Structures are given as structure tokens and as C-alpha cells.
């Protein structure tokens, strides 16, 4: 399996193994939160050396910076995309780039005004000292004038205070940063594939992983081995048909015999012929025992797999049912 699939969360179809690259990014983002939300010796040194009188959104990478600081700057925009500012004295909040009037920055809320504004860089305190008066490089058309009126209405409703500005994190209900929420955000683009029936089933972990590989057609059946360059016999260990995942667990003479016995036990008039048919078959003939569907499927597949491996590698004989 490809590593990006293995390292995906379980609700995205993976094994839930943490991706160290994404985890490292999440941990780096935590330093930005510490810089904004808490006080300490490290914060004091960084503010005096790199931040000075600027807002965080205005900081950029420079050759004279330390490698550690430049690495932090690489994840700055990712951190800012999930953080909003609650304003007090508005000295640490960027007027255009920081989301402080809602969860969207003024730069993105009024892009037509930002593109022609003469004062495109500055803190909220800078604009407040000017009475929120903005100047532009050209006359505003009717649509832009309407945007300016909306902007002024928003600014006039803002209540400033003598307290320091502080951040809020959008990824948690308590508005506090967590590495977990940032890590989950980095995985949000992945396709949903929860596999709830598998991961919630009361099965040993190794069998859960085995069934996960079976679902993805990634177990080493003979057809998968041949795609990897294996030159051995491609025929099933139980019969003379080409071996594949579907064949081994549903179409082979041994698997058909096993499913026929199960069908007799549950009083079903047919047997499933594939994994997709199994869930319909189980819901029809065992509707009141849904929590055992995955356990039963895993037990049969695991038993067939162990027997197949014993024949293939230990040269044991298996008598085919007549």
C-alpha cells in the first residue's frame, strides 16, 4: 500500500498511522499560537528580534533570519487560515489580512477596495488613529462606493478597548489551539471512507488490518503477486482457476462450500457471490444480528486465507468437497 493511504485517518479509509510530515507542520503551527496567546522568555526574544512593531501577517522570510524562524514562516499562512483575532487595543492585528471583523479578513471581504487602496499595509490601530479614513488611487464607481459604505458601517460598530488583542482558534469549540485539530485539517481533503463496521467490530487488530487490505484488494493473492513481477503459478491453491481476491473468498469451490454451509445455518436460500452481495445477503437473512456481520465475514475470510497459505507454503493437502 502507498504510504499516503496507510497514513490517512481511519475515517478517510486509512489505518490511522500518523503522517510525520503533517504532524510536524501541526507542531510548528503550535509555536505561532504560543507566540500570540502566551507570554514567556521565548516569546519576548522573538517579538523583539523579528516581530518588533509589525503584525504577524506582515512578517516574511529573510536571508538574515535564523533557519528555525524561516521554517516557522513557511507554515504561517496555514496557521493564520484557522485563526481569528479578537481586538482590544488593536496594535497586533493587521487591518486587511487578519480576520477581526468576523471570520473573513477585510482583504477577502472587500477585494475591490483593497486592490486600489493607498493604505494596504498597517495595523488596525493605525487605521483607527486616522478615523477609519481610507484613500484610493482612483474614483470609486457605484459598486465600490456601496462596498465602502458597508465597510464603514462594520468599522463604526467595532468596540476597541485597552486590553491586548488575543487569538481564537476555529478548529476547536473552546477556541484554543490543538495539534489534533490542525492535523485533521491537513487531512480534510481526503475522501471519506469511514469503514465503521470494520473498526468497531470486536476483532483482533491483525484481522482488522487483514480485512482492510482485503477491501482494498491489497493482499498477496497470486494475481496481485504477478502484477509485482512474480513468475510463479497464477492458479488457485484449491482449484484450477486464476486466483484473485473475489475468487478466493467467494467463487472458489472451497469458499462456495463454506458459504453454502453458512447459508444452511442461517436458513438462507442462496449464498453471496461477492463482497458487495454479502452485505445485502446478510441484511436480508440476518437483519437482527448486524453487529455480527463483519465478525462473521472476517472469520470466514481469515480461515480461508490461513488454509490457502498452509497449502501454498507448508505443502499441506486439502480435500476438495464433492
C-alpha atoms as a PDB file:
ATOM      1  CA  UNK A   1       0.000   0.000   0.000  1.00  0.00           C
ATOM      2  CA  UNK A   2       1.117   3.550  -0.675  1.00  0.00           C
ATOM      3  CA  UNK A   3       2.219   5.381   2.425  1.00  0.00           C
ATOM      4  CA  UNK A   4      -0.246   8.261   1.950  1.00  0.00           C
ATOM      5  CA  UNK A   5      -3.052   5.683   2.110  1.00  0.00           C
ATOM      6  CA  UNK A   6      -1.658   3.916   5.179  1.00  0.00           C
ATOM      7  CA  UNK A   7      -1.083   7.248   6.954  1.00  0.00           C
ATOM      8  CA  UNK A   8      -4.626   8.508   6.309  1.00  0.00           C
ATOM      9  CA  UNK A   9      -7.053   8.674   9.268  1.00  0.00           C
ATOM     10  CA  UNK A  10      -9.405   5.724   9.700  1.00  0.00           C
ATOM     11  CA  UNK A  11     -12.406   7.870   8.756  1.00  0.00           C
ATOM     12  CA  UNK A  12     -10.631   8.578   5.452  1.00  0.00           C
ATOM     13  CA  UNK A  13     -10.031   4.927   4.613  1.00  0.00           C
ATOM     14  CA  UNK A  14      -6.539   4.566   6.078  1.00  0.00           C
ATOM     15  CA  UNK A  15      -5.011   2.772   9.059  1.00  0.00           C
ATOM     16  CA  UNK A  16      -4.803   5.891  11.207  1.00  0.00           C
ATOM     17  CA  UNK A  17      -0.997   5.878  11.404  1.00  0.00           C
ATOM     18  CA  UNK A  18       0.145   9.465  11.843  1.00  0.00           C
ATOM     19  CA  UNK A  19       1.903  11.140   8.942  1.00  0.00           C
ATOM     20  CA  UNK A  20       5.055  12.638  10.471  1.00  0.00           C
ATOM     21  CA  UNK A  21       5.201  15.384   7.829  1.00  0.00           C
ATOM     22  CA  UNK A  22       1.695  16.593   8.687  1.00  0.00           C
ATOM     23  CA  UNK A  23       2.342  16.153  12.389  1.00  0.00           C
ATOM     24  CA  UNK A  24       5.485  18.270  12.142  1.00  0.00           C
ATOM     25  CA  UNK A  25       3.561  21.056  10.378  1.00  0.00           C
ATOM     26  CA  UNK A  26       0.900  20.929  13.097  1.00  0.00           C
ATOM     27  CA  UNK A  27       3.551  21.187  15.810  1.00  0.00           C
ATOM     28  CA  UNK A  28       5.170  24.154  14.055  1.00  0.00           C
ATOM     29  CA  UNK A  29       1.792  25.892  13.949  1.00  0.00           C
ATOM     30  CA  UNK A  30       1.583  25.464  17.712  1.00  0.00           C
ATOM     31  CA  UNK A  31       4.591  27.776  18.090  1.00  0.00           C
ATOM     32  CA  UNK A  32       2.669  30.554  16.341  1.00  0.00           C
ATOM     33  CA  UNK A  33      -0.189  30.048  18.783  1.00  0.00           C
ATOM     34  CA  UNK A  34       2.222  30.223  21.719  1.00  0.00           C
ATOM     35  CA  UNK A  35       3.692  33.427  20.321  1.00  0.00           C
ATOM     36  CA  UNK A  36       0.280  35.080  20.161  1.00  0.00           C
ATOM     37  CA  UNK A  37      -1.560  33.550  23.109  1.00  0.00           C
ATOM     38  CA  UNK A  38       1.011  33.328  25.911  1.00  0.00           C
ATOM     39  CA  UNK A  39       3.964  35.103  27.486  1.00  0.00           C
ATOM     40  CA  UNK A  40       7.476  33.820  28.146  1.00  0.00           C
ATOM     41  CA  UNK A  41      11.164  34.299  27.524  1.00  0.00           C
ATOM     42  CA  UNK A  42      10.976  32.743  24.044  1.00  0.00           C
ATOM     43  CA  UNK A  43       8.059  34.968  23.059  1.00  0.00           C
ATOM     44  CA  UNK A  44       9.836  38.089  24.325  1.00  0.00           C
ATOM     45  CA  UNK A  45      13.013  37.310  22.370  1.00  0.00           C
ATOM     46  CA  UNK A  46      11.126  36.576  19.138  1.00  0.00           C
ATOM     47  CA  UNK A  47       8.969  39.693  19.411  1.00  0.00           C
ATOM     48  CA  UNK A  48      11.969  41.913  19.998  1.00  0.00           C
ATOM     49  CA  UNK A  49      14.124  40.342  17.282  1.00  0.00           C
ATOM     50  CA  UNK A  50      11.669  39.507  14.474  1.00  0.00           C
ATOM     51  CA  UNK A  51       8.184  40.878  15.102  1.00  0.00           C
ATOM     52  CA  UNK A  52       9.026  44.320  16.533  1.00  0.00           C
ATOM     53  CA  UNK A  53       6.204  46.740  15.636  1.00  0.00           C
ATOM     54  CA  UNK A  54       4.718  44.547  12.898  1.00  0.00           C
ATOM     55  CA  UNK A  55       1.712  42.249  12.887  1.00  0.00           C
ATOM     56  CA  UNK A  56       2.307  38.546  12.305  1.00  0.00           C
ATOM     57  CA  UNK A  57       0.527  38.675   8.950  1.00  0.00           C
ATOM     58  CA  UNK A  58       3.141  41.194   7.736  1.00  0.00           C
ATOM     59  CA  UNK A  59       6.187  39.034   8.521  1.00  0.00           C
ATOM     60  CA  UNK A  60       8.182  37.480   5.681  1.00  0.00           C
ATOM     61  CA  UNK A  61      11.228  35.296   5.222  1.00  0.00           C
ATOM     62  CA  UNK A  62      14.657  36.966   5.017  1.00  0.00           C
ATOM     63  CA  UNK A  63      18.173  35.590   4.421  1.00  0.00           C
ATOM     64  CA  UNK A  64      19.297  37.141   7.714  1.00  0.00           C
ATOM     65  CA  UNK A  65      16.716  35.201   9.709  1.00  0.00           C
ATOM     66  CA  UNK A  66      17.649  32.054  11.567  1.00  0.00           C
ATOM     67  CA  UNK A  67      16.759  28.756   9.792  1.00  0.00           C
ATOM     68  CA  UNK A  68      14.320  27.897  12.597  1.00  0.00           C
ATOM     69  CA  UNK A  69      12.437  31.170  12.200  1.00  0.00           C
ATOM     70  CA  UNK A  70      12.274  30.798   8.413  1.00  0.00           C
ATOM     71  CA  UNK A  71      10.848  27.285   8.875  1.00  0.00           C
ATOM     72  CA  UNK A  72       8.147  28.731  11.104  1.00  0.00           C
ATOM     73  CA  UNK A  73       7.364  31.364   8.477  1.00  0.00           C
ATOM     74  CA  UNK A  74       6.691  28.587   5.946  1.00  0.00           C
ATOM     75  CA  UNK A  75       3.629  27.463   7.921  1.00  0.00           C
ATOM     76  CA  UNK A  76       2.495  30.957   8.967  1.00  0.00           C
ATOM     77  CA  UNK A  77      -0.233  31.297   6.319  1.00  0.00           C
ATOM     78  CA  UNK A  78      -1.558  27.835   7.145  1.00  0.00           C
ATOM     79  CA  UNK A  79      -1.819  28.819  10.804  1.00  0.00           C
ATOM     80  CA  UNK A  80      -3.474  32.148  10.003  1.00  0.00           C
ATOM     81  CA  UNK A  81      -6.119  30.437   7.863  1.00  0.00           C
ATOM     82  CA  UNK A  82      -7.579  28.830  11.014  1.00  0.00           C
ATOM     83  CA  UNK A  83      -7.110  31.719  13.449  1.00  0.00           C
ATOM     84  CA  UNK A  84      -9.135  34.876  14.048  1.00  0.00           C
ATOM     85  CA  UNK A  85      -8.261  37.884  16.210  1.00  0.00           C
ATOM     86  CA  UNK A  86     -10.346  39.379  18.985  1.00  0.00           C
ATOM     87  CA  UNK A  87      -9.345  43.026  19.158  1.00  0.00           C
ATOM     88  CA  UNK A  88      -8.574  45.165  22.194  1.00  0.00           C
ATOM     89  CA  UNK A  89      -6.000  47.894  21.648  1.00  0.00           C
ATOM     90  CA  UNK A  90      -5.659  46.620  18.006  1.00  0.00           C
ATOM     91  CA  UNK A  91      -1.888  47.092  17.879  1.00  0.00           C
ATOM     92  CA  UNK A  92      -1.156  43.443  16.997  1.00  0.00           C
ATOM     93  CA  UNK A  93      -3.878  42.984  14.383  1.00  0.00           C
ATOM     94  CA  UNK A  94      -3.406  43.599  10.664  1.00  0.00           C
ATOM     95  CA  UNK A  95      -6.263  45.680   9.263  1.00  0.00           C
ATOM     96  CA  UNK A  96      -6.610  43.968   5.883  1.00  0.00           C
ATOM     97  CA  UNK A  97      -5.117  40.488   6.353  1.00  0.00           C
ATOM     98  CA  UNK A  98      -6.274  39.408   9.811  1.00  0.00           C
ATOM     99  CA  UNK A  99      -9.895  38.276  10.283  1.00  0.00           C
ATOM    100  CA  UNK A 100     -11.032  40.556  13.115  1.00  0.00           C
ATOM    101  CA  UNK A 101     -14.459  41.731  11.860  1.00  0.00           C
ATOM    102  CA  UNK A 102     -15.860  38.221  11.562  1.00  0.00           C
ATOM    103  CA  UNK A 103     -14.114  35.084  10.383  1.00  0.00           C
ATOM    104  CA  UNK A 104     -13.164  36.504   6.959  1.00  0.00           C
ATOM    105  CA  UNK A 105     -10.445  39.116   6.511  1.00  0.00           C
ATOM    106  CA  UNK A 106     -11.346  42.513   5.065  1.00  0.00           C
ATOM    107  CA  UNK A 107      -8.942  41.820   2.208  1.00  0.00           C
ATOM    108  CA  UNK A 108     -11.138  38.921   1.065  1.00  0.00           C
ATOM    109  CA  UNK A 109     -14.432  40.503   2.065  1.00  0.00           C
ATOM    110  CA  UNK A 110     -13.751  43.720   0.098  1.00  0.00           C
ATOM    111  CA  UNK A 111     -11.188  42.757  -2.583  1.00  0.00           C
ATOM    112  CA  UNK A 112     -12.270  45.590  -4.887  1.00  0.00           C
ATOM    113  CA  UNK A 113     -11.385  48.215  -2.247  1.00  0.00           C
ATOM    114  CA  UNK A 114      -8.156  46.536  -1.148  1.00  0.00           C
ATOM    115  CA  UNK A 115      -6.794  46.405  -4.705  1.00  0.00           C
ATOM    116  CA  UNK A 116      -6.946  50.212  -5.113  1.00  0.00           C
ATOM    117  CA  UNK A 117      -6.406  51.363  -1.517  1.00  0.00           C
ATOM    118  CA  UNK A 118      -3.303  53.509  -0.885  1.00  0.00           C
ATOM    119  CA  UNK A 119      -3.019  52.186   2.677  1.00  0.00           C
ATOM    120  CA  UNK A 120      -2.703  48.458   2.024  1.00  0.00           C
ATOM    121  CA  UNK A 121      -0.369  47.719   4.956  1.00  0.00           C
ATOM    122  CA  UNK A 122      -0.911  48.607   8.598  1.00  0.00           C
ATOM    123  CA  UNK A 123      -2.382  47.581  11.920  1.00  0.00           C
ATOM    124  CA  UNK A 124      -5.953  48.216  12.969  1.00  0.00           C
ATOM    125  CA  UNK A 125      -4.598  50.803  15.418  1.00  0.00           C
ATOM    126  CA  UNK A 126      -3.040  52.724  12.509  1.00  0.00           C
ATOM    127  CA  UNK A 127      -6.344  52.968  10.650  1.00  0.00           C
ATOM    128  CA  UNK A 128      -8.275  53.732  13.844  1.00  0.00           C
ATOM    129  CA  UNK A 129      -5.950  56.679  14.556  1.00  0.00           C
ATOM    130  CA  UNK A 130      -6.925  58.078  11.150  1.00  0.00           C
ATOM    131  CA  UNK A 131     -10.610  57.814  11.969  1.00  0.00           C
ATOM    132  CA  UNK A 132     -11.016  54.872   9.555  1.00  0.00           C
ATOM    133  CA  UNK A 133     -10.444  57.233   6.613  1.00  0.00           C
ATOM    134  CA  UNK A 134      -9.157  55.399   3.541  1.00  0.00           C
ATOM    135  CA  UNK A 135      -7.765  56.938   0.361  1.00  0.00           C
ATOM    136  CA  UNK A 136      -7.789  55.321  -3.060  1.00  0.00           C
ATOM    137  CA  UNK A 137      -5.791  55.588  -6.259  1.00  0.00           C
ATOM    138  CA  UNK A 138      -8.848  56.429  -8.359  1.00  0.00           C
ATOM    139  CA  UNK A 139     -12.509  57.365  -8.140  1.00  0.00           C
ATOM    140  CA  UNK A 140     -14.851  54.694  -6.851  1.00  0.00           C
ATOM    141  CA  UNK A 141     -17.687  53.512  -9.037  1.00  0.00           C
ATOM    142  CA  UNK A 142     -21.173  52.915  -7.644  1.00  0.00           C
ATOM    143  CA  UNK A 143     -20.475  49.313  -6.646  1.00  0.00           C
ATOM    144  CA  UNK A 144     -17.241  50.246  -4.867  1.00  0.00           C
ATOM    145  CA  UNK A 145     -18.933  53.120  -3.060  1.00  0.00           C
ATOM    146  CA  UNK A 146     -21.531  50.695  -1.765  1.00  0.00           C
ATOM    147  CA  UNK A 147     -18.715  48.398  -0.558  1.00  0.00           C
ATOM    148  CA  UNK A 148     -17.071  51.357   1.178  1.00  0.00           C
ATOM    149  CA  UNK A 149     -20.307  52.194   2.986  1.00  0.00           C
ATOM    150  CA  UNK A 150     -20.612  48.616   4.193  1.00  0.00           C
ATOM    151  CA  UNK A 151     -17.003  48.678   5.360  1.00  0.00           C
ATOM    152  CA  UNK A 152     -17.502  51.903   7.304  1.00  0.00           C
ATOM    153  CA  UNK A 153     -20.648  50.526   8.934  1.00  0.00           C
ATOM    154  CA  UNK A 154     -18.653  47.490  10.097  1.00  0.00           C
ATOM    155  CA  UNK A 155     -15.800  49.638  11.412  1.00  0.00           C
ATOM    156  CA  UNK A 156     -18.077  52.025  13.287  1.00  0.00           C
ATOM    157  CA  UNK A 157     -19.620  49.070  15.132  1.00  0.00           C
ATOM    158  CA  UNK A 158     -16.231  47.815  16.383  1.00  0.00           C
ATOM    159  CA  UNK A 159     -15.657  48.428  20.087  1.00  0.00           C
ATOM    160  CA  UNK A 160     -11.996  48.914  20.995  1.00  0.00           C
ATOM    161  CA  UNK A 161     -10.511  48.687  24.488  1.00  0.00           C
ATOM    162  CA  UNK A 162      -7.218  48.950  26.362  1.00  0.00           C
ATOM    163  CA  UNK A 163      -6.786  45.181  26.561  1.00  0.00           C
ATOM    164  CA  UNK A 164      -4.329  43.314  24.366  1.00  0.00           C
ATOM    165  CA  UNK A 165      -5.504  41.566  21.221  1.00  0.00           C
ATOM    166  CA  UNK A 166      -5.804  37.789  21.544  1.00  0.00           C
ATOM    167  CA  UNK A 167      -6.342  34.923  19.094  1.00  0.00           C
ATOM    168  CA  UNK A 168      -9.165  32.411  18.754  1.00  0.00           C
ATOM    169  CA  UNK A 169      -8.803  29.033  17.062  1.00  0.00           C
ATOM    170  CA  UNK A 170     -11.566  27.970  14.683  1.00  0.00           C
ATOM    171  CA  UNK A 171     -10.719  24.274  14.872  1.00  0.00           C
ATOM    172  CA  UNK A 172     -11.899  23.712  18.467  1.00  0.00           C
ATOM    173  CA  UNK A 173     -15.103  24.511  20.349  1.00  0.00           C
ATOM    174  CA  UNK A 174     -13.152  26.108  23.194  1.00  0.00           C
ATOM    175  CA  UNK A 175     -11.303  28.353  20.691  1.00  0.00           C
ATOM    176  CA  UNK A 176      -7.926  27.016  21.897  1.00  0.00           C
ATOM    177  CA  UNK A 177      -5.326  25.650  19.503  1.00  0.00           C
ATOM    178  CA  UNK A 178      -4.714  21.901  19.410  1.00  0.00           C
ATOM    179  CA  UNK A 179      -2.271  19.900  17.323  1.00  0.00           C
ATOM    180  CA  UNK A 180      -5.005  17.333  16.692  1.00  0.00           C
ATOM    181  CA  UNK A 181      -7.392  19.843  15.096  1.00  0.00           C
ATOM    182  CA  UNK A 182      -4.626  21.205  12.872  1.00  0.00           C
ATOM    183  CA  UNK A 183      -3.603  17.680  11.847  1.00  0.00           C
ATOM    184  CA  UNK A 184      -7.219  16.810  10.995  1.00  0.00           C
ATOM    185  CA  UNK A 185      -7.458  19.974   8.908  1.00  0.00           C
ATOM    186  CA  UNK A 186      -4.486  18.821   6.828  1.00  0.00           C
ATOM    187  CA  UNK A 187      -6.372  15.579   6.141  1.00  0.00           C
ATOM    188  CA  UNK A 188      -9.695  17.213   5.303  1.00  0.00           C
ATOM    189  CA  UNK A 189      -9.135  16.977   1.538  1.00  0.00           C
ATOM    190  CA  UNK A 190      -9.059  13.172   1.673  1.00  0.00           C
ATOM    191  CA  UNK A 191     -12.127  11.238   0.553  1.00  0.00           C
ATOM    192  CA  UNK A 192     -14.449   9.980   3.281  1.00  0.00           C
ATOM    193  CA  UNK A 193     -14.317   6.204   3.734  1.00  0.00           C
ATOM    194  CA  UNK A 194     -15.147   5.515   7.344  1.00  0.00           C
ATOM    195  CA  UNK A 195     -15.102   1.672   7.458  1.00  0.00           C
ATOM    196  CA  UNK A 196     -17.133   1.920  10.661  1.00  0.00           C
ATOM    197  CA  UNK A 197     -18.257  -1.692  10.530  1.00  0.00           C
ATOM    198  CA  UNK A 198     -14.660  -2.866  10.393  1.00  0.00           C
ATOM    199  CA  UNK A 199     -13.027  -0.665  13.035  1.00  0.00           C
ATOM    200  CA  UNK A 200     -15.890  -1.016  15.539  1.00  0.00           C
ATOM    201  CA  UNK A 201     -16.088  -4.812  15.222  1.00  0.00           C
ATOM    202  CA  UNK A 202     -14.772  -6.861  18.146  1.00  0.00           C
ATOM    203  CA  UNK A 203     -11.900  -8.421  16.235  1.00  0.00           C
ATOM    204  CA  UNK A 204      -8.154  -8.735  16.847  1.00  0.00           C
ATOM    205  CA  UNK A 205      -6.227  -5.845  15.314  1.00  0.00           C
ATOM    206  CA  UNK A 206      -4.296  -8.071  12.904  1.00  0.00           C
ATOM    207  CA  UNK A 207      -7.576  -9.373  11.444  1.00  0.00           C
ATOM    208  CA  UNK A 208      -8.927  -5.819  11.139  1.00  0.00           C
ATOM    209  CA  UNK A 209      -5.808  -4.866   9.186  1.00  0.00           C
ATOM    210  CA  UNK A 210      -6.181  -8.014   7.090  1.00  0.00           C
ATOM    211  CA  UNK A 211      -9.796  -7.162   6.219  1.00  0.00           C
ATOM    212  CA  UNK A 212      -8.746  -3.578   5.448  1.00  0.00           C
ATOM    213  CA  UNK A 213      -6.241  -4.963   2.933  1.00  0.00           C
ATOM    214  CA  UNK A 214      -8.883  -7.318   1.537  1.00  0.00           C
ATOM    215  CA  UNK A 215     -11.248  -4.418   0.923  1.00  0.00           C
ATOM    216  CA  UNK A 216      -8.517  -2.559  -0.961  1.00  0.00           C
ATOM    217  CA  UNK A 217      -7.547  -5.701  -2.911  1.00  0.00           C
ATOM    218  CA  UNK A 218      -4.038  -5.428  -1.488  1.00  0.00           C
ATOM    219  CA  UNK A 219      -3.480  -8.898  -0.007  1.00  0.00           C
ATOM    220  CA  UNK A 220      -0.879 -11.010  -1.792  1.00  0.00           C
ATOM    221  CA  UNK A 221      -3.111 -13.222  -3.883  1.00  0.00           C
ATOM    222  CA  UNK A 222      -1.480 -14.690  -6.975  1.00  0.00           C
ATOM    223  CA  UNK A 223      -2.889 -12.065  -9.356  1.00  0.00           C
ATOM    224  CA  UNK A 224      -1.505  -9.247  -7.165  1.00  0.00           C
ATOM    225  CA  UNK A 225       1.845 -11.022  -6.938  1.00  0.00           C
ATOM    226  CA  UNK A 226       2.023 -11.355 -10.726  1.00  0.00           C
ATOM    227  CA  UNK A 227       1.451  -7.596 -11.082  1.00  0.00           C
ATOM    228  CA  UNK A 228       4.533  -7.135  -8.899  1.00  0.00           C
ATOM    229  CA  UNK A 229       6.625  -9.277 -11.254  1.00  0.00           C
ATOM    230  CA  UNK A 230       6.198 -12.677  -9.585  1.00  0.00           C
ATOM    231  CA  UNK A 231       6.649 -15.516 -12.090  1.00  0.00           C
ATOM    232  CA  UNK A 232       5.023 -18.353 -10.122  1.00  0.00           C
ATOM    233  CA  UNK A 233       1.836 -20.340 -10.732  1.00  0.00           C
ATOM    234  CA  UNK A 234      -1.158 -17.988 -11.001  1.00  0.00           C
ATOM    235  CA  UNK A 235      -3.753 -20.666 -10.353  1.00  0.00           C
ATOM    236  CA  UNK A 236      -5.778 -21.001  -7.140  1.00  0.00           C
ATOM    237  CA  UNK A 237      -4.428 -23.329  -4.474  1.00  0.00           C
ATOM    238  CA  UNK A 238      -7.841 -25.024  -4.229  1.00  0.00           C
ATOM    239  CA  UNK A 239      -8.864 -25.271  -7.890  1.00  0.00           C
ATOM    240  CA  UNK A 240      -7.574 -24.657 -11.396  1.00  0.00           C
ATOM    241  CA  UNK A 241      -8.939 -21.112 -11.806  1.00  0.00           C
ATOM    242  CA  UNK A 242      -6.855 -17.911 -11.684  1.00  0.00           C
ATOM    243  CA  UNK A 243      -6.599 -16.695  -8.103  1.00  0.00           C
ATOM    244  CA  UNK A 244      -7.925 -13.250  -7.150  1.00  0.00           C
ATOM    245  CA  UNK A 245      -9.419 -11.771  -4.001  1.00  0.00           C
ATOM    246  CA  UNK A 246     -13.032 -12.216  -5.107  1.00  0.00           C
ATOM    247  CA  UNK A 247     -12.330 -15.694  -6.418  1.00  0.00           C
ATOM    248  CA  UNK A 248     -10.526 -16.868  -3.278  1.00  0.00           C
ATOM    249  CA  UNK A 249     -13.231 -15.757  -0.822  1.00  0.00           C
ATOM    250  CA  UNK A 250     -16.413 -16.279  -2.870  1.00  0.00           C
ATOM    251  CA  UNK A 251     -16.004 -18.062  -6.242  1.00  0.00           C
ATOM    252  CA  UNK A 252     -13.603 -20.894  -5.424  1.00  0.00           C
ATOM    253  CA  UNK A 253     -15.042 -24.352  -4.776  1.00  0.00           C
ATOM    254  CA  UNK A 254     -13.859 -24.208  -1.148  1.00  0.00           C
ATOM    255  CA  UNK A 255     -15.306 -20.788  -0.461  1.00  0.00           C
ATOM    256  CA  UNK A 256     -18.601 -21.702  -2.156  1.00  0.00           C
ATOM    257  CA  UNK A 257     -18.807 -24.780   0.074  1.00  0.00           C
ATOM    258  CA  UNK A 258     -18.154 -22.668   3.195  1.00  0.00           C
ATOM    259  CA  UNK A 259     -20.790 -20.100   2.253  1.00  0.00           C
ATOM    260  CA  UNK A 260     -23.272 -22.891   1.463  1.00  0.00           C
ATOM    261  CA  UNK A 261     -22.823 -24.278   4.975  1.00  0.00           C
ATOM    262  CA  UNK A 262     -23.347 -20.810   6.466  1.00  0.00           C
ATOM    263  CA  UNK A 263     -26.452 -20.349   4.311  1.00  0.00           C
ATOM    264  CA  UNK A 264     -27.915 -23.583   5.679  1.00  0.00           C
ATOM    265  CA  UNK A 265     -27.257 -22.453   9.258  1.00  0.00           C
ATOM    266  CA  UNK A 266     -28.969 -19.052   8.782  1.00  0.00           C
ATOM    267  CA  UNK A 267     -31.737 -20.673   6.676  1.00  0.00           C
ATOM    268  CA  UNK A 268     -30.909 -18.694   3.545  1.00  0.00           C
ATOM    269  CA  UNK A 269     -31.960 -19.921   0.104  1.00  0.00           C
ATOM    270  CA  UNK A 270     -28.824 -18.583  -1.598  1.00  0.00           C
ATOM    271  CA  UNK A 271     -25.189 -17.734  -0.883  1.00  0.00           C
ATOM    272  CA  UNK A 272     -23.303 -14.452  -1.531  1.00  0.00           C
ATOM    273  CA  UNK A 273     -21.107 -14.309  -4.600  1.00  0.00           C
ATOM    274  CA  UNK A 274     -19.036 -11.228  -3.796  1.00  0.00           C
ATOM    275  CA  UNK A 275     -18.261  -8.758  -1.006  1.00  0.00           C
ATOM    276  CA  UNK A 276     -20.944  -6.328  -2.175  1.00  0.00           C
ATOM    277  CA  UNK A 277     -23.505  -9.143  -2.324  1.00  0.00           C
ATOM    278  CA  UNK A 278     -22.539 -10.301   1.176  1.00  0.00           C
ATOM    279  CA  UNK A 279     -23.886  -7.133   2.853  1.00  0.00           C
ATOM    280  CA  UNK A 280     -27.230  -7.397   1.030  1.00  0.00           C
ATOM    281  CA  UNK A 281     -27.368 -11.123   1.781  1.00  0.00           C
ATOM    282  CA  UNK A 282     -26.576 -10.597   5.483  1.00  0.00           C
ATOM    283  CA  UNK A 283     -29.112  -7.774   5.869  1.00  0.00           C
ATOM    284  CA  UNK A 284     -31.802  -9.947   4.276  1.00  0.00           C
ATOM    285  CA  UNK A 285     -31.257 -13.190   6.190  1.00  0.00           C
ATOM    286  CA  UNK A 286     -29.758 -11.862   9.447  1.00  0.00           C
ATOM    287  CA  UNK A 287     -31.393  -8.440   9.907  1.00  0.00           C
ATOM    288  CA  UNK A 288     -31.387  -8.608  13.716  1.00  0.00           C
ATOM    289  CA  UNK A 289     -27.693  -9.527  14.058  1.00  0.00           C
ATOM    290  CA  UNK A 290     -25.967  -6.689  12.207  1.00  0.00           C
ATOM    291  CA  UNK A 291     -23.208  -6.351  14.787  1.00  0.00           C
ATOM    292  CA  UNK A 292     -22.071  -9.876  13.877  1.00  0.00           C
ATOM    293  CA  UNK A 293     -21.991  -9.368  10.100  1.00  0.00           C
ATOM    294  CA  UNK A 294     -18.411  -8.074   9.962  1.00  0.00           C
ATOM    295  CA  UNK A 295     -17.247 -10.633  12.540  1.00  0.00           C
ATOM    296  CA  UNK A 296     -18.700 -13.496  10.501  1.00  0.00           C
ATOM    297  CA  UNK A 297     -17.246 -12.222   7.231  1.00  0.00           C
ATOM    298  CA  UNK A 298     -13.826 -11.742   8.807  1.00  0.00           C
ATOM    299  CA  UNK A 299     -13.884 -15.204  10.419  1.00  0.00           C
ATOM    300  CA  UNK A 300     -14.625 -16.961   7.129  1.00  0.00           C
ATOM    301  CA  UNK A 301     -12.122 -14.915   5.106  1.00  0.00           C
ATOM    302  CA  UNK A 302      -9.417 -15.393   7.730  1.00  0.00           C
ATOM    303  CA  UNK A 303      -9.984 -19.171   7.892  1.00  0.00           C
ATOM    304  CA  UNK A 304      -9.848 -19.472   4.083  1.00  0.00           C
ATOM    305  CA  UNK A 305      -6.704 -17.328   3.968  1.00  0.00           C
ATOM    306  CA  UNK A 306      -4.900 -19.424   6.605  1.00  0.00           C
ATOM    307  CA  UNK A 307      -5.827 -22.651   4.832  1.00  0.00           C
ATOM    308  CA  UNK A 308      -4.724 -21.264   1.482  1.00  0.00           C
ATOM    309  CA  UNK A 309      -1.363 -20.220   2.951  1.00  0.00           C
ATOM    310  CA  UNK A 310      -0.874 -23.606   4.600  1.00  0.00           C
ATOM    311  CA  UNK A 311      -1.349 -25.308   1.243  1.00  0.00           C
ATOM    312  CA  UNK A 312       0.859 -22.816  -0.616  1.00  0.00           C
ATOM    313  CA  UNK A 313       3.780 -22.623   1.803  1.00  0.00           C
ATOM    314  CA  UNK A 314       3.605 -25.685   4.039  1.00  0.00           C
ATOM    315  CA  UNK A 315       2.581 -28.072   1.241  1.00  0.00           C
ATOM    316  CA  UNK A 316      -0.371 -29.371   3.220  1.00  0.00           C
ATOM    317  CA  UNK A 317      -3.119 -31.161   1.335  1.00  0.00           C
ATOM    318  CA  UNK A 318      -6.723 -30.074   1.225  1.00  0.00           C
ATOM    319  CA  UNK A 319      -9.521 -32.364   0.134  1.00  0.00           C
ATOM    320  CA  UNK A 320     -11.969 -30.513  -2.114  1.00  0.00           C
ATOM    321  CA  UNK A 321     -15.613 -31.079  -1.247  1.00  0.00           C
ATOM    322  CA  UNK A 322     -17.593 -33.008  -3.833  1.00  0.00           C
END
